[in-house]
């Protein structure tokens, strides 16, 4: 089983967007996927409730408890709550193979994420290279000054940057339908799939090399 933790202490950073689309990607590849939702709002599990039965199956899990399906999953994707810190963060990082940190290009998001990345750097599992961390820019308009500021910050973050995802209406549309970008015709989301490619390449190749 491979486990991916999506984490950022700030609410609204794009954690659920990353989690649901990652789950959709691996499910579309025929993998046994568990989507674990640690957040009280349960946005990821609500997305699963809207998911049409004809789409590839994704098992839901209340991340605040335990679920038998996670034991036999190929991939477990964890959507974590805002404010994850302390012992809960340490435990979540320790059980993950990868931590993905979504960051939006505002001064508030960068400030909150900077402290969080420093905390992650000190986590034992990260220092011992048992858990690997990467960063993804979220809702990015590359023409803006804020996007340039975020890129400069990410370049100095000390963690690999797996690209930027644009602020596109398609994310809201597929979320309303309980779908992911990987459940619709590729021709409809060509640009977006290209933006996802570095992150997916990183996860899949790291998993292949570990075997």
N, C-alpha and C. Protein backbone atom coordinates (compact mmCIF):
# COMPACT_ATOMS: atom_id res chain seq x y z
N UNK A 1 0.84 -1.20 0.00
CA UNK A 1 0.00 0.00 0.00
C UNK A 1 0.87 1.25 0.00
N UNK A 2 0.51 2.23 -0.80
CA UNK A 2 1.17 3.53 -0.84
C UNK A 2 0.21 4.58 -0.30
N UNK A 3 0.75 5.49 0.50
CA UNK A 3 -0.09 6.49 1.15
C UNK A 3 0.42 7.89 0.81
N UNK A 4 -0.51 8.73 0.37
CA UNK A 4 -0.21 10.12 0.04
C UNK A 4 -1.02 11.02 0.96
N UNK A 5 -0.32 11.86 1.72
CA UNK A 5 -0.97 12.81 2.61
C UNK A 5 -0.98 14.18 1.94
N UNK A 6 -2.16 14.78 1.82
CA UNK A 6 -2.30 16.14 1.30
C UNK A 6 -2.46 17.06 2.51
N UNK A 7 -1.54 17.97 2.71
CA UNK A 7 -1.55 18.73 3.96
C UNK A 7 -1.12 20.18 3.76
N UNK A 8 -1.81 21.06 4.45
CA UNK A 8 -1.47 22.47 4.57
C UNK A 8 -2.31 22.99 5.73
N UNK A 9 -1.73 23.75 6.67
CA UNK A 9 -2.49 24.18 7.83
C UNK A 9 -3.58 25.21 7.51
N UNK A 10 -3.50 25.82 6.32
CA UNK A 10 -4.45 26.86 5.99
C UNK A 10 -5.66 26.28 5.26
N UNK A 11 -6.85 26.68 5.69
CA UNK A 11 -8.06 26.25 5.01
C UNK A 11 -8.16 26.86 3.62
N UNK A 12 -8.81 26.15 2.71
CA UNK A 12 -9.01 26.67 1.37
C UNK A 12 -7.78 26.68 0.49
N UNK A 13 -6.79 25.88 0.84
CA UNK A 13 -5.54 25.89 0.06
C UNK A 13 -5.60 24.99 -1.17
N UNK A 14 -6.64 24.15 -1.27
CA UNK A 14 -6.76 23.26 -2.42
C UNK A 14 -6.51 21.80 -2.09
N UNK A 15 -6.55 21.46 -0.80
CA UNK A 15 -6.26 20.06 -0.40
C UNK A 15 -7.27 19.09 -1.00
N UNK A 16 -8.55 19.42 -0.91
CA UNK A 16 -9.58 18.50 -1.41
C UNK A 16 -9.51 18.35 -2.92
N UNK A 17 -9.21 19.43 -3.62
CA UNK A 17 -9.04 19.35 -5.08
C UNK A 17 -7.93 18.38 -5.44
N UNK A 18 -6.81 18.48 -4.76
CA UNK A 18 -5.70 17.55 -5.01
C UNK A 18 -6.08 16.13 -4.65
N UNK A 19 -6.69 15.95 -3.47
CA UNK A 19 -6.99 14.61 -2.99
C UNK A 19 -7.98 13.88 -3.90
N UNK A 20 -9.06 14.55 -4.28
CA UNK A 20 -10.09 13.89 -5.09
C UNK A 20 -9.58 13.59 -6.49
N UNK A 21 -8.79 14.49 -7.06
CA UNK A 21 -8.28 14.24 -8.41
C UNK A 21 -7.19 13.18 -8.42
N UNK A 22 -6.37 13.13 -7.36
CA UNK A 22 -5.39 12.04 -7.27
C UNK A 22 -6.08 10.69 -7.14
N UNK A 23 -7.11 10.65 -6.28
CA UNK A 23 -7.88 9.41 -6.13
C UNK A 23 -8.50 9.01 -7.47
N UNK A 24 -9.04 10.00 -8.20
CA UNK A 24 -9.62 9.71 -9.51
C UNK A 24 -8.61 9.19 -10.50
N UNK A 25 -7.40 9.72 -10.45
CA UNK A 25 -6.35 9.27 -11.36
C UNK A 25 -6.02 7.79 -11.13
N UNK A 26 -5.72 7.43 -9.88
CA UNK A 26 -5.32 6.05 -9.62
C UNK A 26 -6.47 5.08 -9.84
N UNK A 27 -7.70 5.51 -9.53
CA UNK A 27 -8.86 4.65 -9.79
C UNK A 27 -9.03 4.42 -11.29
N UNK A 28 -8.79 5.46 -12.10
CA UNK A 28 -8.92 5.34 -13.55
C UNK A 28 -7.87 4.39 -14.13
N UNK A 29 -6.80 4.14 -13.36
CA UNK A 29 -5.76 3.18 -13.77
C UNK A 29 -6.03 1.79 -13.23
N UNK A 30 -7.20 1.57 -12.68
CA UNK A 30 -7.57 0.25 -12.21
C UNK A 30 -7.02 -0.11 -10.85
N UNK A 31 -6.54 0.87 -10.10
CA UNK A 31 -6.00 0.60 -8.77
C UNK A 31 -7.10 0.61 -7.72
N UNK A 32 -6.86 -0.14 -6.64
CA UNK A 32 -7.76 -0.13 -5.48
C UNK A 32 -7.40 1.10 -4.65
N UNK A 33 -8.30 2.08 -4.63
CA UNK A 33 -8.02 3.38 -4.02
C UNK A 33 -8.94 3.62 -2.83
N UNK A 34 -8.34 4.09 -1.74
CA UNK A 34 -9.11 4.55 -0.59
C UNK A 34 -8.86 6.05 -0.44
N UNK A 35 -9.94 6.81 -0.36
CA UNK A 35 -9.87 8.24 -0.11
C UNK A 35 -10.26 8.48 1.34
N UNK A 36 -9.28 8.86 2.14
CA UNK A 36 -9.47 9.04 3.57
C UNK A 36 -9.64 10.53 3.88
N UNK A 37 -10.71 10.87 4.57
CA UNK A 37 -11.03 12.27 4.86
C UNK A 37 -10.91 12.52 6.36
N UNK A 38 -9.87 13.25 6.77
CA UNK A 38 -9.65 13.57 8.17
C UNK A 38 -10.39 14.82 8.63
N UNK A 39 -10.93 15.58 7.69
CA UNK A 39 -11.54 16.88 7.99
C UNK A 39 -12.98 16.70 8.49
N UNK A 40 -13.36 17.49 9.48
CA UNK A 40 -14.73 17.42 10.00
C UNK A 40 -15.77 17.77 8.95
N UNK A 41 -15.40 18.64 8.00
CA UNK A 41 -16.36 19.02 6.96
C UNK A 41 -16.65 17.88 6.00
N UNK A 42 -15.73 16.92 5.92
CA UNK A 42 -15.92 15.72 5.10
C UNK A 42 -16.19 16.04 3.62
N UNK A 43 -15.52 17.04 3.09
CA UNK A 43 -15.75 17.45 1.70
C UNK A 43 -15.41 16.33 0.71
N UNK A 44 -14.34 15.59 0.98
CA UNK A 44 -13.97 14.50 0.07
C UNK A 44 -15.00 13.38 0.08
N UNK A 45 -15.51 13.06 1.26
CA UNK A 45 -16.53 12.01 1.34
C UNK A 45 -17.84 12.46 0.71
N UNK A 46 -18.16 13.74 0.81
CA UNK A 46 -19.34 14.27 0.13
C UNK A 46 -19.17 14.18 -1.38
N UNK A 47 -17.94 14.43 -1.85
CA UNK A 47 -17.65 14.27 -3.28
C UNK A 47 -17.89 12.82 -3.70
N UNK A 48 -17.45 11.88 -2.87
CA UNK A 48 -17.66 10.46 -3.18
C UNK A 48 -19.14 10.10 -3.23
N UNK A 49 -19.95 10.72 -2.36
CA UNK A 49 -21.40 10.45 -2.37
C UNK A 49 -22.03 10.89 -3.68
N UNK A 50 -21.46 11.91 -4.31
CA UNK A 50 -21.99 12.40 -5.59
C UNK A 50 -21.44 11.61 -6.78
N UNK A 51 -20.48 10.77 -6.54
CA UNK A 51 -19.77 10.09 -7.63
C UNK A 51 -20.67 9.05 -8.31
N UNK A 52 -20.88 9.17 -9.63
CA UNK A 52 -21.72 8.21 -10.35
C UNK A 52 -21.17 6.79 -10.28
N UNK A 53 -22.06 5.84 -10.23
CA UNK A 53 -21.66 4.43 -10.06
C UNK A 53 -20.89 3.89 -11.26
N UNK A 54 -21.06 4.51 -12.44
CA UNK A 54 -20.36 4.00 -13.62
C UNK A 54 -18.90 4.42 -13.68
N UNK A 55 -18.50 5.35 -12.81
CA UNK A 55 -17.10 5.76 -12.79
C UNK A 55 -16.28 4.77 -11.96
N UNK A 56 -14.97 4.72 -12.17
CA UNK A 56 -14.13 3.78 -11.41
C UNK A 56 -14.33 3.93 -9.90
N UNK A 57 -14.40 2.82 -9.22
CA UNK A 57 -14.73 2.79 -7.80
C UNK A 57 -13.61 3.37 -6.95
N UNK A 58 -13.99 4.20 -5.99
CA UNK A 58 -13.09 4.72 -4.97
C UNK A 58 -13.74 4.47 -3.62
N UNK A 59 -13.04 3.85 -2.71
CA UNK A 59 -13.57 3.58 -1.39
C UNK A 59 -13.37 4.79 -0.47
N UNK A 60 -14.40 5.12 0.27
CA UNK A 60 -14.31 6.24 1.20
C UNK A 60 -13.98 5.77 2.60
N UNK A 61 -13.32 6.64 3.34
CA UNK A 61 -12.91 6.31 4.71
C UNK A 61 -12.94 7.58 5.55
N UNK A 62 -13.57 7.49 6.71
CA UNK A 62 -13.50 8.58 7.68
C UNK A 62 -12.11 8.51 8.33
N UNK A 63 -11.25 9.44 7.98
CA UNK A 63 -9.87 9.39 8.44
C UNK A 63 -9.69 9.56 9.93
N UNK A 64 -10.77 9.90 10.63
CA UNK A 64 -10.68 10.03 12.08
C UNK A 64 -10.84 8.67 12.76
N UNK A 65 -11.18 7.64 11.97
CA UNK A 65 -11.29 6.30 12.52
C UNK A 65 -10.49 5.33 11.67
N UNK A 66 -10.93 4.09 11.58
CA UNK A 66 -10.23 3.09 10.78
C UNK A 66 -11.23 2.41 9.85
N UNK A 67 -10.71 1.91 8.76
CA UNK A 67 -11.56 1.30 7.74
C UNK A 67 -10.82 0.11 7.15
N UNK A 68 -11.49 -1.02 7.05
CA UNK A 68 -10.83 -2.25 6.61
C UNK A 68 -10.28 -2.15 5.19
N UNK A 69 -10.97 -1.36 4.32
CA UNK A 69 -10.54 -1.28 2.94
C UNK A 69 -9.13 -0.73 2.80
N UNK A 70 -8.70 0.09 3.76
CA UNK A 70 -7.37 0.69 3.65
C UNK A 70 -6.27 -0.36 3.75
N UNK A 71 -6.57 -1.50 4.36
CA UNK A 71 -5.55 -2.53 4.55
C UNK A 71 -5.14 -3.18 3.24
N UNK A 72 -6.06 -3.25 2.29
CA UNK A 72 -5.76 -3.91 1.02
C UNK A 72 -5.66 -2.92 -0.13
N UNK A 73 -5.63 -1.63 0.15
CA UNK A 73 -5.59 -0.62 -0.90
C UNK A 73 -4.23 -0.59 -1.58
N UNK A 74 -4.24 -0.30 -2.90
CA UNK A 74 -3.00 -0.01 -3.60
C UNK A 74 -2.52 1.39 -3.24
N UNK A 75 -3.47 2.31 -3.17
CA UNK A 75 -3.18 3.71 -2.85
C UNK A 75 -4.20 4.25 -1.85
N UNK A 76 -3.72 4.89 -0.81
CA UNK A 76 -4.59 5.63 0.11
C UNK A 76 -4.23 7.10 0.00
N UNK A 77 -5.23 7.91 -0.31
CA UNK A 77 -5.06 9.35 -0.44
C UNK A 77 -5.74 10.00 0.77
N UNK A 78 -4.99 10.78 1.54
CA UNK A 78 -5.52 11.37 2.77
C UNK A 78 -5.72 12.86 2.59
N UNK A 79 -6.96 13.30 2.74
CA UNK A 79 -7.31 14.72 2.73
C UNK A 79 -7.32 15.18 4.18
N UNK A 80 -6.33 15.97 4.56
CA UNK A 80 -6.17 16.34 5.98
C UNK A 80 -6.88 17.66 6.29
N UNK A 81 -7.16 17.92 7.56
CA UNK A 81 -7.85 19.15 7.94
C UNK A 81 -6.90 20.32 8.06
N UNK A 82 -7.47 21.53 8.03
CA UNK A 82 -6.68 22.73 8.32
C UNK A 82 -6.21 22.65 9.78
N UNK A 83 -5.06 23.20 10.04
CA UNK A 83 -4.56 23.23 11.42
C UNK A 83 -3.94 21.93 11.89
N UNK A 84 -3.64 21.02 10.97
CA UNK A 84 -2.99 19.77 11.37
C UNK A 84 -1.59 20.08 11.89
N UNK A 85 -1.33 19.73 13.13
CA UNK A 85 -0.03 20.03 13.74
C UNK A 85 0.22 19.12 14.93
N UNK A 86 1.39 19.29 15.55
CA UNK A 86 1.72 18.53 16.76
C UNK A 86 1.78 17.05 16.52
N UNK A 87 1.32 16.29 17.51
CA UNK A 87 1.39 14.82 17.44
C UNK A 87 0.58 14.26 16.28
N UNK A 88 -0.55 14.90 15.97
CA UNK A 88 -1.38 14.41 14.86
C UNK A 88 -0.64 14.55 13.54
N UNK A 89 0.06 15.66 13.38
CA UNK A 89 0.85 15.84 12.16
C UNK A 89 1.97 14.82 12.10
N UNK A 90 2.68 14.64 13.19
CA UNK A 90 3.79 13.68 13.23
C UNK A 90 3.31 12.29 12.87
N UNK A 91 2.18 11.87 13.41
CA UNK A 91 1.64 10.54 13.13
C UNK A 91 1.24 10.41 11.68
N UNK A 92 0.60 11.46 11.14
CA UNK A 92 0.15 11.42 9.75
C UNK A 92 1.34 11.37 8.80
N UNK A 93 2.38 12.15 9.08
CA UNK A 93 3.57 12.15 8.24
C UNK A 93 4.28 10.80 8.31
N UNK A 94 4.34 10.24 9.51
CA UNK A 94 5.03 8.96 9.71
C UNK A 94 4.37 7.83 8.93
N UNK A 95 3.07 7.87 8.77
CA UNK A 95 2.36 6.80 8.08
C UNK A 95 2.29 7.02 6.57
N UNK A 96 2.73 8.18 6.10
CA UNK A 96 2.65 8.50 4.67
C UNK A 96 3.97 8.20 3.96
N UNK A 97 3.86 7.82 2.70
CA UNK A 97 5.04 7.70 1.85
C UNK A 97 5.40 9.05 1.24
N UNK A 98 4.37 9.84 0.95
CA UNK A 98 4.56 11.16 0.37
C UNK A 98 3.64 12.17 1.05
N UNK A 99 4.13 13.39 1.19
CA UNK A 99 3.30 14.51 1.63
C UNK A 99 3.31 15.54 0.52
N UNK A 100 2.13 15.94 0.08
CA UNK A 100 2.01 16.97 -0.95
C UNK A 100 1.39 18.21 -0.30
N UNK A 101 2.06 19.34 -0.45
CA UNK A 101 1.61 20.59 0.16
C UNK A 101 1.12 21.53 -0.93
N UNK A 102 -0.20 21.79 -1.00
CA UNK A 102 -0.71 22.77 -1.97
C UNK A 102 -0.59 24.18 -1.41
N UNK A 103 -0.13 25.11 -2.24
CA UNK A 103 0.05 26.49 -1.80
C UNK A 103 -0.53 27.44 -2.85
N UNK A 104 -1.36 28.37 -2.40
CA UNK A 104 -1.90 29.40 -3.29
C UNK A 104 -1.01 30.65 -3.25
N UNK A 105 -1.09 31.49 -4.30
CA UNK A 105 -0.16 32.61 -4.42
C UNK A 105 -0.59 33.89 -3.72
N UNK A 106 -0.98 33.80 -2.47
CA UNK A 106 -1.27 35.01 -1.70
C UNK A 106 -0.26 35.11 -0.56
N UNK A 107 -0.06 36.33 -0.07
CA UNK A 107 0.89 36.52 1.03
C UNK A 107 0.48 35.73 2.26
N UNK A 108 -0.83 35.62 2.52
CA UNK A 108 -1.31 34.86 3.68
C UNK A 108 -1.00 33.37 3.53
N UNK A 109 -1.23 32.85 2.33
CA UNK A 109 -0.96 31.43 2.10
C UNK A 109 0.53 31.12 2.18
N UNK A 110 1.32 31.99 1.58
CA UNK A 110 2.77 31.76 1.60
C UNK A 110 3.30 31.83 3.03
N UNK A 111 2.81 32.81 3.81
CA UNK A 111 3.26 32.93 5.20
C UNK A 111 2.93 31.71 6.02
N UNK A 112 1.68 31.22 5.90
CA UNK A 112 1.27 30.04 6.66
C UNK A 112 2.03 28.81 6.20
N UNK A 113 2.26 28.70 4.92
CA UNK A 113 2.92 27.52 4.38
C UNK A 113 4.40 27.50 4.71
N UNK A 114 5.02 28.67 4.81
CA UNK A 114 6.44 28.73 5.12
C UNK A 114 6.73 28.09 6.47
N UNK A 115 5.95 28.43 7.46
CA UNK A 115 6.13 27.84 8.79
C UNK A 115 5.86 26.34 8.75
N UNK A 116 4.85 25.94 7.98
CA UNK A 116 4.49 24.53 7.90
C UNK A 116 5.61 23.72 7.24
N UNK A 117 6.20 24.25 6.17
CA UNK A 117 7.28 23.55 5.50
C UNK A 117 8.49 23.41 6.41
N UNK A 118 8.75 24.43 7.22
CA UNK A 118 9.84 24.35 8.19
C UNK A 118 9.57 23.26 9.21
N UNK A 119 8.30 23.14 9.63
CA UNK A 119 7.92 22.08 10.57
C UNK A 119 8.11 20.70 9.93
N UNK A 120 7.67 20.56 8.69
CA UNK A 120 7.83 19.28 7.99
C UNK A 120 9.30 18.89 7.86
N UNK A 121 10.14 19.87 7.61
CA UNK A 121 11.56 19.59 7.45
C UNK A 121 12.16 18.97 8.70
N UNK A 122 11.59 19.29 9.86
CA UNK A 122 12.10 18.77 11.13
C UNK A 122 11.47 17.45 11.54
N UNK A 123 10.44 17.02 10.82
CA UNK A 123 9.81 15.74 11.15
C UNK A 123 10.81 14.60 10.91
N UNK A 124 10.88 13.68 11.85
CA UNK A 124 11.87 12.59 11.78
C UNK A 124 11.73 11.78 10.50
N UNK A 125 10.49 11.47 10.13
CA UNK A 125 10.28 10.64 8.93
C UNK A 125 10.80 11.33 7.68
N UNK A 126 10.72 12.65 7.66
CA UNK A 126 11.23 13.42 6.51
C UNK A 126 12.75 13.48 6.56
N UNK A 127 13.31 13.75 7.74
CA UNK A 127 14.77 13.83 7.88
C UNK A 127 15.43 12.50 7.53
N UNK A 128 14.77 11.39 7.89
CA UNK A 128 15.33 10.06 7.64
C UNK A 128 15.00 9.56 6.23
N UNK A 129 14.32 10.41 5.44
CA UNK A 129 13.93 10.10 4.07
C UNK A 129 13.07 8.84 3.97
N UNK A 130 12.20 8.69 4.95
CA UNK A 130 11.18 7.64 4.87
C UNK A 130 9.89 8.21 4.29
N UNK A 131 9.71 9.51 4.43
CA UNK A 131 8.57 10.22 3.86
C UNK A 131 9.12 11.38 3.03
N UNK A 132 8.56 11.55 1.83
CA UNK A 132 9.07 12.57 0.91
C UNK A 132 8.02 13.67 0.71
N UNK A 133 8.49 14.89 0.63
CA UNK A 133 7.60 16.05 0.57
C UNK A 133 7.78 16.76 -0.77
N UNK A 134 6.66 17.21 -1.35
CA UNK A 134 6.69 18.04 -2.55
C UNK A 134 5.62 19.12 -2.43
N UNK A 135 5.78 20.16 -3.22
CA UNK A 135 4.89 21.31 -3.18
C UNK A 135 4.24 21.49 -4.55
N UNK A 136 2.96 21.92 -4.53
CA UNK A 136 2.23 22.20 -5.77
C UNK A 136 1.58 23.58 -5.64
N UNK A 137 1.80 24.44 -6.63
CA UNK A 137 1.10 25.73 -6.67
C UNK A 137 -0.33 25.53 -7.13
N UNK A 138 -1.27 26.17 -6.44
CA UNK A 138 -2.69 25.98 -6.72
C UNK A 138 -3.35 27.28 -7.18
N UNK A 139 -4.26 27.14 -8.15
CA UNK A 139 -5.05 28.28 -8.65
C UNK A 139 -4.13 29.40 -9.12
N UNK A 140 -3.22 29.03 -9.99
CA UNK A 140 -2.17 29.93 -10.43
C UNK A 140 -2.53 30.56 -11.78
N UNK A 141 -2.45 31.88 -11.83
CA UNK A 141 -2.49 32.62 -13.09
C UNK A 141 -1.07 33.12 -13.32
N UNK A 142 -0.39 32.51 -14.26
CA UNK A 142 1.04 32.77 -14.46
C UNK A 142 1.33 34.20 -14.87
N UNK A 143 0.29 34.97 -15.26
CA UNK A 143 0.51 36.34 -15.71
C UNK A 143 0.57 37.34 -14.55
N UNK A 144 0.28 36.88 -13.33
CA UNK A 144 0.17 37.81 -12.21
C UNK A 144 1.48 37.92 -11.42
N UNK A 145 1.61 39.04 -10.72
CA UNK A 145 2.78 39.26 -9.87
C UNK A 145 2.79 38.27 -8.70
N UNK A 146 1.60 37.96 -8.18
CA UNK A 146 1.54 37.03 -7.05
C UNK A 146 2.06 35.65 -7.45
N UNK A 147 1.80 35.24 -8.68
CA UNK A 147 2.31 33.95 -9.15
C UNK A 147 3.83 33.97 -9.22
N UNK A 148 4.39 35.09 -9.66
CA UNK A 148 5.85 35.22 -9.73
C UNK A 148 6.45 35.20 -8.32
N UNK A 149 5.78 35.87 -7.38
CA UNK A 149 6.26 35.87 -5.99
C UNK A 149 6.25 34.47 -5.41
N UNK A 150 5.15 33.73 -5.69
CA UNK A 150 5.06 32.36 -5.19
C UNK A 150 6.17 31.49 -5.79
N UNK A 151 6.44 31.66 -7.08
CA UNK A 151 7.46 30.85 -7.72
C UNK A 151 8.83 31.10 -7.10
N UNK A 152 9.12 32.37 -6.81
CA UNK A 152 10.41 32.68 -6.18
C UNK A 152 10.51 32.03 -4.81
N UNK A 153 9.39 32.05 -4.07
CA UNK A 153 9.40 31.41 -2.75
C UNK A 153 9.59 29.90 -2.88
N UNK A 154 8.86 29.29 -3.79
CA UNK A 154 8.93 27.84 -3.94
C UNK A 154 10.32 27.39 -4.37
N UNK A 155 10.96 28.19 -5.20
CA UNK A 155 12.30 27.83 -5.66
C UNK A 155 13.29 27.77 -4.50
N UNK A 156 12.99 28.48 -3.41
CA UNK A 156 13.89 28.50 -2.25
C UNK A 156 13.36 27.65 -1.08
N UNK A 157 12.28 26.90 -1.33
CA UNK A 157 11.63 26.18 -0.23
C UNK A 157 12.42 24.97 0.26
N UNK A 158 13.32 24.46 -0.57
CA UNK A 158 14.08 23.28 -0.18
C UNK A 158 13.40 21.97 -0.51
N UNK A 159 12.16 22.03 -1.02
CA UNK A 159 11.43 20.83 -1.44
C UNK A 159 11.16 20.89 -2.94
N UNK A 160 11.05 19.73 -3.60
CA UNK A 160 10.74 19.76 -5.03
C UNK A 160 9.37 20.36 -5.31
N UNK A 161 9.29 21.12 -6.38
CA UNK A 161 8.04 21.76 -6.79
C UNK A 161 7.50 20.99 -7.99
N UNK A 162 6.30 20.44 -7.83
CA UNK A 162 5.71 19.60 -8.87
C UNK A 162 4.72 20.37 -9.73
N UNK A 163 5.11 21.60 -10.08
CA UNK A 163 4.31 22.37 -11.02
C UNK A 163 3.23 23.21 -10.37
N UNK A 164 2.48 23.88 -11.24
CA UNK A 164 1.38 24.76 -10.84
C UNK A 164 0.10 24.35 -11.55
N UNK A 165 -0.99 24.33 -10.82
CA UNK A 165 -2.30 24.05 -11.40
C UNK A 165 -3.06 25.36 -11.56
N UNK A 166 -3.64 25.57 -12.71
CA UNK A 166 -4.29 26.84 -12.98
C UNK A 166 -5.65 26.94 -12.28
N UNK A 167 -6.14 28.16 -12.20
CA UNK A 167 -7.46 28.43 -11.63
C UNK A 167 -8.48 28.27 -12.75
N UNK A 168 -9.02 27.05 -12.89
CA UNK A 168 -9.90 26.74 -14.01
C UNK A 168 -11.27 26.28 -13.51
N UNK A 169 -12.31 26.69 -14.22
CA UNK A 169 -13.68 26.34 -13.84
C UNK A 169 -13.93 24.84 -13.90
N UNK A 170 -13.15 24.13 -14.70
CA UNK A 170 -13.37 22.69 -14.86
C UNK A 170 -13.25 21.96 -13.53
N UNK A 171 -12.41 22.45 -12.62
CA UNK A 171 -12.27 21.78 -11.32
C UNK A 171 -13.58 21.83 -10.53
N UNK A 172 -14.24 22.98 -10.56
CA UNK A 172 -15.53 23.10 -9.87
C UNK A 172 -16.59 22.25 -10.54
N UNK A 173 -16.56 22.19 -11.86
CA UNK A 173 -17.58 21.43 -12.59
C UNK A 173 -17.47 19.93 -12.31
N UNK A 174 -16.25 19.39 -12.35
CA UNK A 174 -16.12 17.96 -12.11
C UNK A 174 -16.39 17.64 -10.64
N UNK A 175 -16.03 18.55 -9.73
CA UNK A 175 -16.28 18.31 -8.31
C UNK A 175 -17.77 18.21 -8.03
N UNK A 176 -18.56 19.03 -8.68
CA UNK A 176 -20.02 18.98 -8.49
C UNK A 176 -20.60 17.64 -8.92
N UNK A 177 -19.93 16.98 -9.84
CA UNK A 177 -20.42 15.71 -10.38
C UNK A 177 -19.80 14.49 -9.71
N UNK A 178 -18.95 14.72 -8.69
CA UNK A 178 -18.27 13.60 -8.05
C UNK A 178 -17.25 12.96 -8.97
N UNK A 179 -16.73 13.75 -9.89
CA UNK A 179 -15.77 13.24 -10.88
C UNK A 179 -14.42 13.92 -10.69
N UNK A 180 -13.44 13.45 -11.45
CA UNK A 180 -12.11 14.06 -11.48
C UNK A 180 -11.76 14.40 -12.92
N UNK A 181 -10.65 15.09 -13.09
CA UNK A 181 -10.20 15.39 -14.45
C UNK A 181 -9.95 14.13 -15.26
N UNK A 182 -9.67 13.04 -14.56
CA UNK A 182 -9.28 11.80 -15.22
C UNK A 182 -10.49 10.92 -15.56
N UNK A 183 -11.68 11.44 -15.28
CA UNK A 183 -12.91 10.71 -15.59
C UNK A 183 -13.61 11.27 -16.82
N UNK A 184 -13.07 12.35 -17.41
CA UNK A 184 -13.70 12.96 -18.58
C UNK A 184 -12.76 12.87 -19.77
N UNK A 185 -13.28 13.22 -20.95
CA UNK A 185 -12.46 13.12 -22.16
C UNK A 185 -11.21 13.96 -22.05
N UNK A 186 -10.04 13.37 -22.31
CA UNK A 186 -8.78 14.13 -22.21
C UNK A 186 -8.77 15.39 -23.07
N UNK A 187 -9.47 15.37 -24.20
CA UNK A 187 -9.49 16.53 -25.09
C UNK A 187 -10.12 17.75 -24.43
N UNK A 188 -10.94 17.53 -23.39
CA UNK A 188 -11.57 18.63 -22.69
C UNK A 188 -10.64 19.30 -21.69
N UNK A 189 -9.59 18.60 -21.29
CA UNK A 189 -8.72 19.10 -20.22
C UNK A 189 -7.25 18.92 -20.57
N UNK A 190 -6.91 19.07 -21.84
CA UNK A 190 -5.54 18.83 -22.29
C UNK A 190 -4.53 19.64 -21.51
N UNK A 191 -4.78 20.94 -21.37
CA UNK A 191 -3.83 21.81 -20.67
C UNK A 191 -3.68 21.41 -19.21
N UNK A 192 -4.80 21.06 -18.59
CA UNK A 192 -4.77 20.70 -17.16
C UNK A 192 -4.04 19.38 -16.94
N UNK A 193 -4.25 18.42 -17.81
CA UNK A 193 -3.54 17.14 -17.68
C UNK A 193 -2.04 17.34 -17.82
N UNK A 194 -1.64 18.25 -18.68
CA UNK A 194 -0.22 18.56 -18.81
C UNK A 194 0.35 19.12 -17.51
N UNK A 195 -0.45 19.93 -16.81
CA UNK A 195 0.01 20.51 -15.55
C UNK A 195 0.10 19.45 -14.44
N UNK A 196 -0.71 18.41 -14.53
CA UNK A 196 -0.67 17.33 -13.54
C UNK A 196 0.48 16.37 -13.78
N UNK A 197 1.02 16.34 -15.00
CA UNK A 197 1.99 15.32 -15.37
C UNK A 197 3.22 15.26 -14.46
N UNK A 198 3.84 16.39 -14.05
CA UNK A 198 5.03 16.27 -13.19
C UNK A 198 4.75 15.59 -11.84
N UNK A 199 3.62 15.92 -11.23
CA UNK A 199 3.27 15.32 -9.94
C UNK A 199 3.01 13.83 -10.09
N UNK A 200 2.25 13.45 -11.10
CA UNK A 200 1.95 12.03 -11.30
C UNK A 200 3.21 11.25 -11.65
N UNK A 201 4.07 11.84 -12.46
CA UNK A 201 5.34 11.20 -12.81
C UNK A 201 6.17 10.95 -11.56
N UNK A 202 6.23 11.94 -10.68
CA UNK A 202 7.00 11.83 -9.43
C UNK A 202 6.48 10.69 -8.56
N UNK A 203 5.17 10.62 -8.39
CA UNK A 203 4.59 9.58 -7.54
C UNK A 203 4.77 8.19 -8.15
N UNK A 204 4.44 8.05 -9.39
CA UNK A 204 4.47 6.73 -10.03
C UNK A 204 5.89 6.22 -10.15
N UNK A 205 6.83 7.08 -10.54
CA UNK A 205 8.22 6.64 -10.68
C UNK A 205 8.85 6.33 -9.33
N UNK A 206 8.53 7.15 -8.31
CA UNK A 206 9.06 6.86 -6.97
C UNK A 206 8.53 5.54 -6.47
N UNK A 207 7.27 5.26 -6.77
CA UNK A 207 6.68 3.99 -6.34
C UNK A 207 7.34 2.82 -7.08
N UNK A 208 7.58 2.99 -8.37
CA UNK A 208 8.20 1.93 -9.17
C UNK A 208 9.64 1.65 -8.69
N UNK A 209 10.36 2.72 -8.39
CA UNK A 209 11.76 2.56 -7.95
C UNK A 209 11.86 1.93 -6.58
N UNK A 210 10.79 2.06 -5.78
CA UNK A 210 10.81 1.52 -4.42
C UNK A 210 10.57 0.02 -4.41
N UNK A 211 10.08 -0.52 -5.52
CA UNK A 211 9.71 -1.94 -5.55
C UNK A 211 10.91 -2.80 -5.91
